[in-house]
Amino acid sequence: MNRRHLLSIFSVFAVTALGLALLPSGAVSQPKSLKDQLVGTWTLTAWEQTRPDGSKLQRFGANPKGIHVFDANGRTYILFSRPDLPKIASNNPSTPTPEEAKGIVDGSIAYYGTYTVDEGSKVITVKVEASTFANQVGVDQKRTVTSVSADELKMVNTTVLSGGQISYAFKRAK
């Protein structure tokens, strides 16, 4: 090969390398899997159940509180609560009045277990191991991710024990 030909090849290589180096890092890297995008702690911003009769329920109020944690090893934890849960007058969690107990049960839920992600259908399957609503234990719950970004997650649960479906919205915890 002559020197001119080598110089031409080197020039093409240099321009290509420079072009790749100047691209945003996300343009060269592989997109993250859905599971990788989920990993972390999310804070609840909206929770609404559409009942079988079409009526709507905001069980945790217009300004719900809560977190949904997905870890990289397939474990998950959820705690949702109304911001206005009743306080227990006796200051003893073992002795609420019937009204206090009903308000707490109606306005909160917590559970944990494992999760898997079907990347193709964007379905998360949660296998509940323990819950403040024992009817959930051992029941597979499926949530379809309707949108996900670095800071926002939206899902729909169509496997609601009481029927209908639940729409969730979250912001990534900072």
N, C-alpha and C. Protein backbone atom coordinates (compact mmCIF):
# COMPACT_ATOMS: atom_id res chain seq x y z
N MET A 1 0.84 -1.19 0.00
CA MET A 1 0.00 0.00 0.00
C MET A 1 0.88 1.24 0.00
N ASN A 2 0.42 2.22 -0.72
CA ASN A 2 1.22 3.43 -0.74
C ASN A 2 0.83 4.35 0.42
N ARG A 3 1.70 5.30 0.64
CA ARG A 3 1.53 6.21 1.76
C ARG A 3 0.23 7.02 1.64
N ARG A 4 -0.10 7.42 0.45
CA ARG A 4 -1.31 8.22 0.20
C ARG A 4 -2.56 7.42 0.58
N HIS A 5 -2.60 6.13 0.22
CA HIS A 5 -3.73 5.27 0.54
C HIS A 5 -3.86 5.08 2.06
N LEU A 6 -2.73 4.87 2.73
CA LEU A 6 -2.74 4.72 4.19
C LEU A 6 -3.24 6.00 4.86
N LEU A 7 -2.80 7.15 4.37
CA LEU A 7 -3.24 8.42 4.92
C LEU A 7 -4.74 8.60 4.75
N SER A 8 -5.30 8.18 3.63
CA SER A 8 -6.73 8.26 3.37
C SER A 8 -7.51 7.38 4.33
N ILE A 9 -7.05 6.15 4.54
CA ILE A 9 -7.71 5.23 5.48
C ILE A 9 -7.65 5.79 6.89
N PHE A 10 -6.48 6.31 7.28
CA PHE A 10 -6.33 6.87 8.61
C PHE A 10 -7.27 8.07 8.80
N SER A 11 -7.41 8.90 7.79
CA SER A 11 -8.29 10.07 7.88
C SER A 11 -9.75 9.65 8.09
N VAL A 12 -10.20 8.64 7.34
CA VAL A 12 -11.58 8.15 7.51
C VAL A 12 -11.76 7.60 8.92
N PHE A 13 -10.78 6.83 9.40
CA PHE A 13 -10.85 6.28 10.75
C PHE A 13 -10.92 7.39 11.79
N ALA A 14 -10.07 8.41 11.65
CA ALA A 14 -10.02 9.51 12.62
C ALA A 14 -11.33 10.28 12.65
N VAL A 15 -11.89 10.57 11.48
CA VAL A 15 -13.16 11.30 11.42
C VAL A 15 -14.29 10.47 12.04
N THR A 16 -14.31 9.16 11.77
CA THR A 16 -15.33 8.28 12.36
C THR A 16 -15.19 8.24 13.87
N ALA A 17 -13.99 8.08 14.37
CA ALA A 17 -13.76 8.02 15.82
C ALA A 17 -14.17 9.32 16.48
N LEU A 18 -13.83 10.45 15.85
CA LEU A 18 -14.20 11.75 16.40
C LEU A 18 -15.72 11.91 16.43
N GLY A 19 -16.37 11.50 15.35
CA GLY A 19 -17.84 11.58 15.30
C GLY A 19 -18.49 10.76 16.39
N LEU A 20 -18.01 9.55 16.62
CA LEU A 20 -18.57 8.69 17.68
C LEU A 20 -18.31 9.29 19.05
N ALA A 21 -17.14 9.88 19.24
CA ALA A 21 -16.80 10.47 20.54
C ALA A 21 -17.69 11.66 20.86
N LEU A 22 -18.13 12.38 19.84
CA LEU A 22 -18.95 13.57 20.06
C LEU A 22 -20.44 13.27 20.24
N LEU A 23 -20.86 12.04 19.92
CA LEU A 23 -22.26 11.67 20.11
C LEU A 23 -22.60 11.65 21.59
N PRO A 24 -23.85 11.97 21.97
CA PRO A 24 -24.25 11.81 23.37
C PRO A 24 -24.07 10.35 23.77
N SER A 25 -23.71 10.12 25.02
CA SER A 25 -23.41 8.76 25.46
C SER A 25 -24.59 7.82 25.25
N GLY A 26 -25.82 8.29 25.38
CA GLY A 26 -27.00 7.44 25.20
C GLY A 26 -27.19 7.00 23.75
N ALA A 27 -26.62 7.76 22.80
CA ALA A 27 -26.81 7.42 21.40
C ALA A 27 -25.99 6.20 21.00
N VAL A 28 -24.90 5.92 21.71
CA VAL A 28 -24.04 4.79 21.39
C VAL A 28 -24.40 3.58 22.24
N SER A 29 -24.84 3.82 23.48
CA SER A 29 -25.11 2.72 24.40
C SER A 29 -26.45 2.05 24.11
N GLN A 30 -26.61 0.85 24.62
CA GLN A 30 -27.85 0.12 24.47
C GLN A 30 -28.93 0.76 25.36
N PRO A 31 -30.17 0.76 24.92
CA PRO A 31 -31.23 1.28 25.80
C PRO A 31 -31.39 0.36 27.02
N LYS A 32 -31.78 0.98 28.14
CA LYS A 32 -31.98 0.20 29.37
C LYS A 32 -33.20 -0.69 29.24
N SER A 33 -33.13 -1.86 29.87
CA SER A 33 -34.29 -2.74 29.92
C SER A 33 -35.35 -2.10 30.82
N LEU A 34 -36.59 -2.54 30.70
CA LEU A 34 -37.65 -2.03 31.56
C LEU A 34 -37.30 -2.29 33.02
N LYS A 35 -36.82 -3.48 33.33
CA LYS A 35 -36.46 -3.79 34.72
C LYS A 35 -35.41 -2.82 35.24
N ASP A 36 -34.38 -2.53 34.43
CA ASP A 36 -33.35 -1.58 34.86
C ASP A 36 -33.93 -0.19 35.09
N GLN A 37 -34.91 0.21 34.28
CA GLN A 37 -35.54 1.52 34.45
C GLN A 37 -36.38 1.58 35.73
N LEU A 38 -36.93 0.43 36.16
CA LEU A 38 -37.78 0.40 37.35
C LEU A 38 -36.98 0.46 38.64
N VAL A 39 -35.78 -0.10 38.64
CA VAL A 39 -35.00 -0.24 39.88
C VAL A 39 -34.84 1.11 40.56
N GLY A 40 -35.20 1.14 41.84
CA GLY A 40 -35.09 2.35 42.65
C GLY A 40 -36.33 2.54 43.50
N THR A 41 -36.44 3.72 44.07
CA THR A 41 -37.57 4.08 44.94
C THR A 41 -38.42 5.13 44.23
N TRP A 42 -39.71 4.87 44.19
CA TRP A 42 -40.67 5.75 43.53
C TRP A 42 -41.67 6.26 44.57
N THR A 43 -42.03 7.54 44.50
CA THR A 43 -43.03 8.11 45.42
C THR A 43 -44.36 8.23 44.68
N LEU A 44 -45.42 7.87 45.37
CA LEU A 44 -46.76 7.86 44.80
C LEU A 44 -47.27 9.28 44.61
N THR A 45 -47.77 9.57 43.40
CA THR A 45 -48.37 10.88 43.13
C THR A 45 -49.86 10.78 42.81
N ALA A 46 -50.31 9.59 42.37
CA ALA A 46 -51.73 9.42 42.07
C ALA A 46 -52.09 7.94 42.18
N TRP A 47 -53.28 7.68 42.70
CA TRP A 47 -53.83 6.32 42.82
C TRP A 47 -55.32 6.44 42.62
N GLU A 48 -55.86 5.75 41.60
CA GLU A 48 -57.29 5.81 41.35
C GLU A 48 -57.79 4.45 40.87
N GLN A 49 -58.83 3.97 41.53
CA GLN A 49 -59.45 2.71 41.12
C GLN A 49 -60.72 3.02 40.34
N THR A 50 -60.85 2.36 39.20
CA THR A 50 -62.09 2.40 38.44
C THR A 50 -62.80 1.09 38.74
N ARG A 51 -63.93 1.19 39.42
CA ARG A 51 -64.67 -0.01 39.84
C ARG A 51 -65.41 -0.63 38.65
N PRO A 52 -65.85 -1.89 38.82
CA PRO A 52 -66.57 -2.55 37.72
C PRO A 52 -67.78 -1.77 37.21
N ASP A 53 -68.42 -0.99 38.09
CA ASP A 53 -69.59 -0.20 37.65
C ASP A 53 -69.19 1.14 37.02
N GLY A 54 -67.89 1.40 36.90
CA GLY A 54 -67.40 2.64 36.29
C GLY A 54 -67.15 3.76 37.27
N SER A 55 -67.59 3.61 38.52
CA SER A 55 -67.35 4.67 39.50
C SER A 55 -65.86 4.70 39.87
N LYS A 56 -65.41 5.86 40.37
CA LYS A 56 -64.00 6.08 40.70
C LYS A 56 -63.81 6.14 42.21
N LEU A 57 -62.66 5.66 42.67
CA LEU A 57 -62.32 5.69 44.09
C LEU A 57 -60.88 6.15 44.23
N GLN A 58 -60.67 7.16 45.06
CA GLN A 58 -59.32 7.57 45.44
C GLN A 58 -59.13 7.15 46.90
N ARG A 59 -58.83 5.89 47.10
CA ARG A 59 -58.74 5.30 48.43
C ARG A 59 -57.75 6.05 49.33
N PHE A 60 -56.70 6.58 48.74
CA PHE A 60 -55.67 7.24 49.53
C PHE A 60 -55.74 8.76 49.42
N GLY A 61 -56.89 9.25 48.95
CA GLY A 61 -57.13 10.68 48.87
C GLY A 61 -56.57 11.32 47.62
N ALA A 62 -56.83 12.63 47.50
CA ALA A 62 -56.38 13.39 46.33
C ALA A 62 -54.87 13.63 46.36
N ASN A 63 -54.27 13.53 47.52
CA ASN A 63 -52.83 13.73 47.68
C ASN A 63 -52.23 12.52 48.39
N PRO A 64 -52.22 11.36 47.73
CA PRO A 64 -51.78 10.13 48.41
C PRO A 64 -50.30 10.16 48.76
N LYS A 65 -49.96 9.42 49.79
CA LYS A 65 -48.57 9.26 50.22
C LYS A 65 -48.19 7.81 49.99
N GLY A 66 -46.93 7.59 49.66
CA GLY A 66 -46.51 6.21 49.52
C GLY A 66 -45.23 6.06 48.74
N ILE A 67 -44.71 4.83 48.81
CA ILE A 67 -43.52 4.50 48.05
C ILE A 67 -43.69 3.11 47.44
N HIS A 68 -42.99 2.92 46.35
CA HIS A 68 -42.90 1.62 45.68
C HIS A 68 -41.42 1.43 45.38
N VAL A 69 -40.83 0.40 45.96
CA VAL A 69 -39.41 0.14 45.79
C VAL A 69 -39.23 -1.12 44.94
N PHE A 70 -38.39 -1.02 43.93
CA PHE A 70 -37.97 -2.17 43.13
C PHE A 70 -36.47 -2.30 43.32
N ASP A 71 -35.99 -3.45 43.81
CA ASP A 71 -34.55 -3.60 43.87
C ASP A 71 -34.05 -4.42 42.69
N ALA A 72 -32.76 -4.40 42.46
CA ALA A 72 -32.17 -5.05 41.29
C ALA A 72 -32.25 -6.57 41.38
N ASN A 73 -32.50 -7.11 42.57
CA ASN A 73 -32.56 -8.56 42.76
C ASN A 73 -33.97 -9.12 42.64
N GLY A 74 -34.95 -8.29 42.24
CA GLY A 74 -36.31 -8.79 42.05
C GLY A 74 -37.18 -8.75 43.30
N ARG A 75 -36.83 -7.92 44.28
CA ARG A 75 -37.66 -7.75 45.48
C ARG A 75 -38.40 -6.42 45.36
N THR A 76 -39.59 -6.35 45.93
CA THR A 76 -40.37 -5.11 45.90
C THR A 76 -41.07 -4.88 47.23
N TYR A 77 -41.33 -3.61 47.54
CA TYR A 77 -42.02 -3.21 48.76
C TYR A 77 -42.93 -2.04 48.41
N ILE A 78 -44.12 -2.06 48.97
CA ILE A 78 -45.09 -0.99 48.72
C ILE A 78 -45.71 -0.55 50.05
N LEU A 79 -45.84 0.75 50.22
CA LEU A 79 -46.59 1.33 51.34
C LEU A 79 -47.35 2.52 50.77
N PHE A 80 -48.68 2.46 50.84
CA PHE A 80 -49.53 3.57 50.40
C PHE A 80 -50.39 3.98 51.59
N SER A 81 -50.65 5.29 51.71
CA SER A 81 -51.41 5.79 52.85
C SER A 81 -52.08 7.12 52.52
N ARG A 82 -53.22 7.32 53.15
CA ARG A 82 -53.84 8.64 53.11
C ARG A 82 -53.00 9.57 53.98
N PRO A 83 -52.91 10.84 53.64
CA PRO A 83 -52.15 11.76 54.50
C PRO A 83 -52.89 12.09 55.79
N ASP A 84 -54.19 11.78 55.83
CA ASP A 84 -55.02 12.14 56.99
C ASP A 84 -55.48 10.91 57.78
N LEU A 85 -54.63 9.89 57.89
CA LEU A 85 -55.01 8.71 58.69
C LEU A 85 -55.36 9.14 60.11
N PRO A 86 -56.35 8.47 60.73
CA PRO A 86 -56.69 8.85 62.10
C PRO A 86 -55.58 8.46 63.08
N LYS A 87 -55.38 9.31 64.04
CA LYS A 87 -54.47 8.97 65.14
C LYS A 87 -55.24 8.12 66.14
N ILE A 88 -54.53 7.26 66.84
CA ILE A 88 -55.16 6.40 67.84
C ILE A 88 -55.13 7.14 69.18
N ALA A 89 -56.32 7.42 69.72
CA ALA A 89 -56.44 8.24 70.92
C ALA A 89 -55.69 7.65 72.11
N SER A 90 -55.65 6.31 72.22
CA SER A 90 -54.97 5.68 73.36
C SER A 90 -53.45 5.72 73.21
N ASN A 91 -52.96 6.11 72.03
CA ASN A 91 -51.53 6.12 71.73
C ASN A 91 -50.91 4.72 71.78
N ASN A 92 -51.78 3.69 71.64
CA ASN A 92 -51.34 2.30 71.67
C ASN A 92 -51.87 1.62 70.41
N PRO A 93 -50.99 1.18 69.50
CA PRO A 93 -51.47 0.59 68.25
C PRO A 93 -52.28 -0.69 68.44
N SER A 94 -52.24 -1.27 69.63
CA SER A 94 -53.00 -2.49 69.91
C SER A 94 -54.43 -2.22 70.38
N THR A 95 -54.75 -0.95 70.65
CA THR A 95 -56.08 -0.64 71.18
C THR A 95 -56.78 0.52 70.46
N PRO A 96 -56.90 0.44 69.14
CA PRO A 96 -57.65 1.51 68.47
C PRO A 96 -59.14 1.33 68.72
N THR A 97 -59.89 2.40 68.61
CA THR A 97 -61.34 2.27 68.65
C THR A 97 -61.76 1.62 67.33
N PRO A 98 -62.96 1.08 67.24
CA PRO A 98 -63.42 0.52 65.95
C PRO A 98 -63.36 1.53 64.80
N GLU A 99 -63.70 2.78 65.08
CA GLU A 99 -63.66 3.81 64.04
C GLU A 99 -62.23 4.10 63.60
N GLU A 100 -61.31 4.17 64.57
CA GLU A 100 -59.91 4.41 64.24
C GLU A 100 -59.36 3.25 63.40
N ALA A 101 -59.65 2.02 63.82
CA ALA A 101 -59.16 0.84 63.10
C ALA A 101 -59.70 0.82 61.67
N LYS A 102 -60.98 1.12 61.50
CA LYS A 102 -61.56 1.15 60.15
C LYS A 102 -60.90 2.21 59.29
N GLY A 103 -60.69 3.38 59.85
CA GLY A 103 -60.04 4.46 59.10
C GLY A 103 -58.62 4.10 58.66
N ILE A 104 -57.89 3.42 59.53
CA ILE A 104 -56.52 3.00 59.20
C ILE A 104 -56.52 1.92 58.12
N VAL A 105 -57.40 0.93 58.27
CA VAL A 105 -57.48 -0.15 57.28
C VAL A 105 -57.95 0.39 55.93
N ASP A 106 -58.95 1.26 55.94
CA ASP A 106 -59.45 1.83 54.68
C ASP A 106 -58.43 2.72 53.99
N GLY A 107 -57.54 3.35 54.78
CA GLY A 107 -56.65 4.37 54.23
C GLY A 107 -55.20 3.98 54.08
N SER A 108 -54.87 2.70 54.22
CA SER A 108 -53.46 2.32 54.06
C SER A 108 -53.32 0.87 53.62
N ILE A 109 -52.19 0.58 53.02
CA ILE A 109 -51.84 -0.78 52.63
C ILE A 109 -50.31 -0.86 52.56
N ALA A 110 -49.80 -2.01 52.95
CA ALA A 110 -48.36 -2.26 52.82
C ALA A 110 -48.18 -3.73 52.48
N TYR A 111 -47.28 -4.01 51.57
CA TYR A 111 -46.95 -5.39 51.25
C TYR A 111 -45.59 -5.48 50.60
N TYR A 112 -45.05 -6.70 50.59
CA TYR A 112 -43.77 -6.91 49.93
C TYR A 112 -43.75 -8.30 49.32
N GLY A 113 -42.77 -8.50 48.46
CA GLY A 113 -42.62 -9.79 47.80
C GLY A 113 -41.58 -9.71 46.71
N THR A 114 -41.79 -10.51 45.66
CA THR A 114 -40.87 -10.52 44.54
C THR A 114 -41.59 -10.01 43.30
N TYR A 115 -40.79 -9.63 42.31
CA TYR A 115 -41.40 -9.20 41.05
C TYR A 115 -40.56 -9.71 39.88
N THR A 116 -41.25 -9.90 38.77
CA THR A 116 -40.59 -10.20 37.50
C THR A 116 -41.14 -9.25 36.46
N VAL A 117 -40.38 -9.07 35.38
CA VAL A 117 -40.79 -8.15 34.32
C VAL A 117 -40.79 -8.90 33.00
N ASP A 118 -41.91 -8.81 32.29
CA ASP A 118 -41.99 -9.32 30.92
C ASP A 118 -41.71 -8.11 30.03
N GLU A 119 -40.52 -8.07 29.50
CA GLU A 119 -40.07 -6.91 28.72
C GLU A 119 -40.97 -6.66 27.51
N GLY A 120 -41.40 -7.72 26.83
CA GLY A 120 -42.19 -7.57 25.61
C GLY A 120 -43.55 -6.95 25.85
N SER A 121 -44.26 -7.44 26.88
CA SER A 121 -45.61 -6.94 27.15
C SER A 121 -45.63 -5.79 28.16
N LYS A 122 -44.46 -5.47 28.74
CA LYS A 122 -44.32 -4.43 29.76
C LYS A 122 -45.16 -4.73 30.99
N VAL A 123 -45.28 -6.02 31.33
CA VAL A 123 -46.06 -6.44 32.49
C VAL A 123 -45.13 -6.82 33.63
N ILE A 124 -45.42 -6.25 34.78
CA ILE A 124 -44.72 -6.58 36.03
C ILE A 124 -45.62 -7.53 36.79
N THR A 125 -45.10 -8.68 37.21
CA THR A 125 -45.86 -9.61 38.03
C THR A 125 -45.29 -9.56 39.44
N VAL A 126 -46.13 -9.21 40.41
CA VAL A 126 -45.74 -9.14 41.81
C VAL A 126 -46.31 -10.36 42.52
N LYS A 127 -45.45 -11.10 43.21
CA LYS A 127 -45.87 -12.23 44.03
C LYS A 127 -45.79 -11.77 45.48
N VAL A 128 -46.95 -11.54 46.09
CA VAL A 128 -47.02 -10.97 47.43
C VAL A 128 -46.70 -12.05 48.46
N GLU A 129 -45.74 -11.76 49.34
CA GLU A 129 -45.34 -12.69 50.40
C GLU A 129 -45.98 -12.34 51.74
N ALA A 130 -46.19 -11.05 51.99
CA ALA A 130 -46.85 -10.61 53.22
C ALA A 130 -47.54 -9.29 52.93
N SER A 131 -48.68 -9.06 53.59
CA SER A 131 -49.46 -7.86 53.33
C SER A 131 -50.34 -7.51 54.52
N THR A 132 -50.65 -6.23 54.66
CA THR A 132 -51.62 -5.82 55.66
C THR A 132 -53.04 -6.21 55.23
N PHE A 133 -53.19 -6.61 53.96
CA PHE A 133 -54.44 -7.19 53.44
C PHE A 133 -54.11 -8.62 53.06
N ALA A 134 -54.30 -9.54 54.02
CA ALA A 134 -53.83 -10.92 53.88
C ALA A 134 -54.39 -11.64 52.65
N ASN A 135 -55.51 -11.20 52.12
CA ASN A 135 -56.08 -11.82 50.91
C ASN A 135 -55.13 -11.74 49.72
N GLN A 136 -54.18 -10.81 49.75
CA GLN A 136 -53.23 -10.66 48.65
C GLN A 136 -52.12 -11.71 48.67
N VAL A 137 -51.85 -12.29 49.83
CA VAL A 137 -50.72 -13.21 49.97
C VAL A 137 -50.90 -14.41 49.05
N GLY A 138 -49.85 -14.67 48.25
CA GLY A 138 -49.87 -15.80 47.34
C GLY A 138 -50.57 -15.54 46.03
N VAL A 139 -51.12 -14.34 45.86
CA VAL A 139 -51.84 -14.00 44.63
C VAL A 139 -50.90 -13.20 43.73
N ASP A 140 -50.78 -13.63 42.46
CA ASP A 140 -49.98 -12.86 41.50
C ASP A 140 -50.75 -11.62 41.09
N GLN A 141 -50.09 -10.49 41.21
CA GLN A 141 -50.68 -9.23 40.77
C GLN A 141 -49.92 -8.76 39.54
N LYS A 142 -50.64 -8.34 38.54
CA LYS A 142 -50.01 -7.90 37.30
C LYS A 142 -50.26 -6.41 37.09
N ARG A 143 -49.20 -5.73 36.74
CA ARG A 143 -49.27 -4.31 36.44
C ARG A 143 -48.67 -4.07 35.06
N THR A 144 -49.38 -3.33 34.24
CA THR A 144 -48.86 -3.00 32.92
C THR A 144 -48.28 -1.59 32.99
N VAL A 145 -47.02 -1.46 32.60
CA VAL A 145 -46.38 -0.15 32.57
C VAL A 145 -46.89 0.58 31.33
N THR A 146 -47.54 1.73 31.56
CA THR A 146 -48.05 2.51 30.44
C THR A 146 -47.06 3.58 29.99
N SER A 147 -46.19 4.01 30.90
CA SER A 147 -45.09 4.91 30.53
C SER A 147 -44.04 4.90 31.63
N VAL A 148 -42.79 5.07 31.20
CA VAL A 148 -41.69 5.16 32.15
C VAL A 148 -40.62 6.07 31.56
N SER A 149 -40.08 6.93 32.42
CA SER A 149 -38.97 7.79 32.04
C SER A 149 -38.02 7.79 33.24
N ALA A 150 -36.98 8.58 33.17
CA ALA A 150 -36.03 8.62 34.27
C ALA A 150 -36.69 9.08 35.57
N ASP A 151 -37.73 9.93 35.46
CA ASP A 151 -38.34 10.52 36.65
C ASP A 151 -39.81 10.20 36.88
N GLU A 152 -40.47 9.50 35.95
CA GLU A 152 -41.90 9.25 36.09
C GLU A 152 -42.25 7.82 35.67
N LEU A 153 -43.16 7.22 36.42
CA LEU A 153 -43.63 5.87 36.13
C LEU A 153 -45.15 5.86 36.25
N LYS A 154 -45.82 5.26 35.24
CA LYS A 154 -47.27 5.10 35.28
C LYS A 154 -47.58 3.64 34.98
N MET A 155 -48.52 3.08 35.75
CA MET A 155 -48.90 1.68 35.60
C MET A 155 -50.39 1.53 35.79
N VAL A 156 -50.90 0.38 35.30
CA VAL A 156 -52.30 0.00 35.50
C VAL A 156 -52.31 -1.42 36.03
N ASN A 157 -53.09 -1.65 37.09
CA ASN A 157 -53.27 -2.98 37.67
C ASN A 157 -54.67 -3.46 37.29
N THR A 158 -54.74 -4.54 36.52
CA THR A 158 -56.05 -5.08 36.10
C THR A 158 -56.39 -6.35 36.86
N THR A 159 -55.58 -6.70 37.88
CA THR A 159 -55.84 -7.91 38.67
C THR A 159 -56.25 -7.54 40.09
N VAL A 160 -57.13 -6.58 40.21
CA VAL A 160 -57.59 -6.06 41.50
C VAL A 160 -58.56 -7.06 42.13
N LEU A 161 -58.32 -7.46 43.37
CA LEU A 161 -59.17 -8.46 44.02
C LEU A 161 -60.62 -8.00 44.13
N SER A 162 -60.85 -6.70 44.32
CA SER A 162 -62.22 -6.20 44.43
C SER A 162 -62.82 -5.83 43.08
N GLY A 163 -62.08 -6.06 41.99
CA GLY A 163 -62.59 -5.79 40.65
C GLY A 163 -62.16 -4.45 40.12
N GLY A 164 -62.39 -4.27 38.85
CA GLY A 164 -62.00 -3.02 38.20
C GLY A 164 -60.51 -2.97 37.94
N GLN A 165 -59.98 -1.75 37.88
CA GLN A 165 -58.55 -1.58 37.68
C GLN A 165 -58.06 -0.38 38.45
N ILE A 166 -56.76 -0.38 38.75
CA ILE A 166 -56.14 0.72 39.49
C ILE A 166 -55.08 1.36 38.60
N SER A 167 -55.11 2.68 38.53
CA SER A 167 -54.07 3.45 37.83
C SER A 167 -53.18 4.10 38.88
N TYR A 168 -51.87 3.95 38.65
CA TYR A 168 -50.87 4.52 39.57
C TYR A 168 -49.98 5.50 38.81
N ALA A 169 -49.51 6.52 39.50
CA ALA A 169 -48.47 7.41 38.96
C ALA A 169 -47.46 7.64 40.06
N PHE A 170 -46.18 7.67 39.68
CA PHE A 170 -45.08 7.82 40.61
C PHE A 170 -44.05 8.80 40.06
N LYS A 171 -43.32 9.42 40.97
CA LYS A 171 -42.13 10.19 40.64
C LYS A 171 -40.95 9.47 41.30
N ARG A 172 -39.81 9.50 40.63
CA ARG A 172 -38.63 8.86 41.22
C ARG A 172 -38.21 9.66 42.44
N ALA A 173 -37.93 8.97 43.54
CA ALA A 173 -37.50 9.63 44.77
C ALA A 173 -36.10 10.19 44.56
N LYS A 174 -35.88 11.35 45.08
CA LYS A 174 -34.56 12.02 44.94
C LYS A 174 -33.71 11.73 46.14
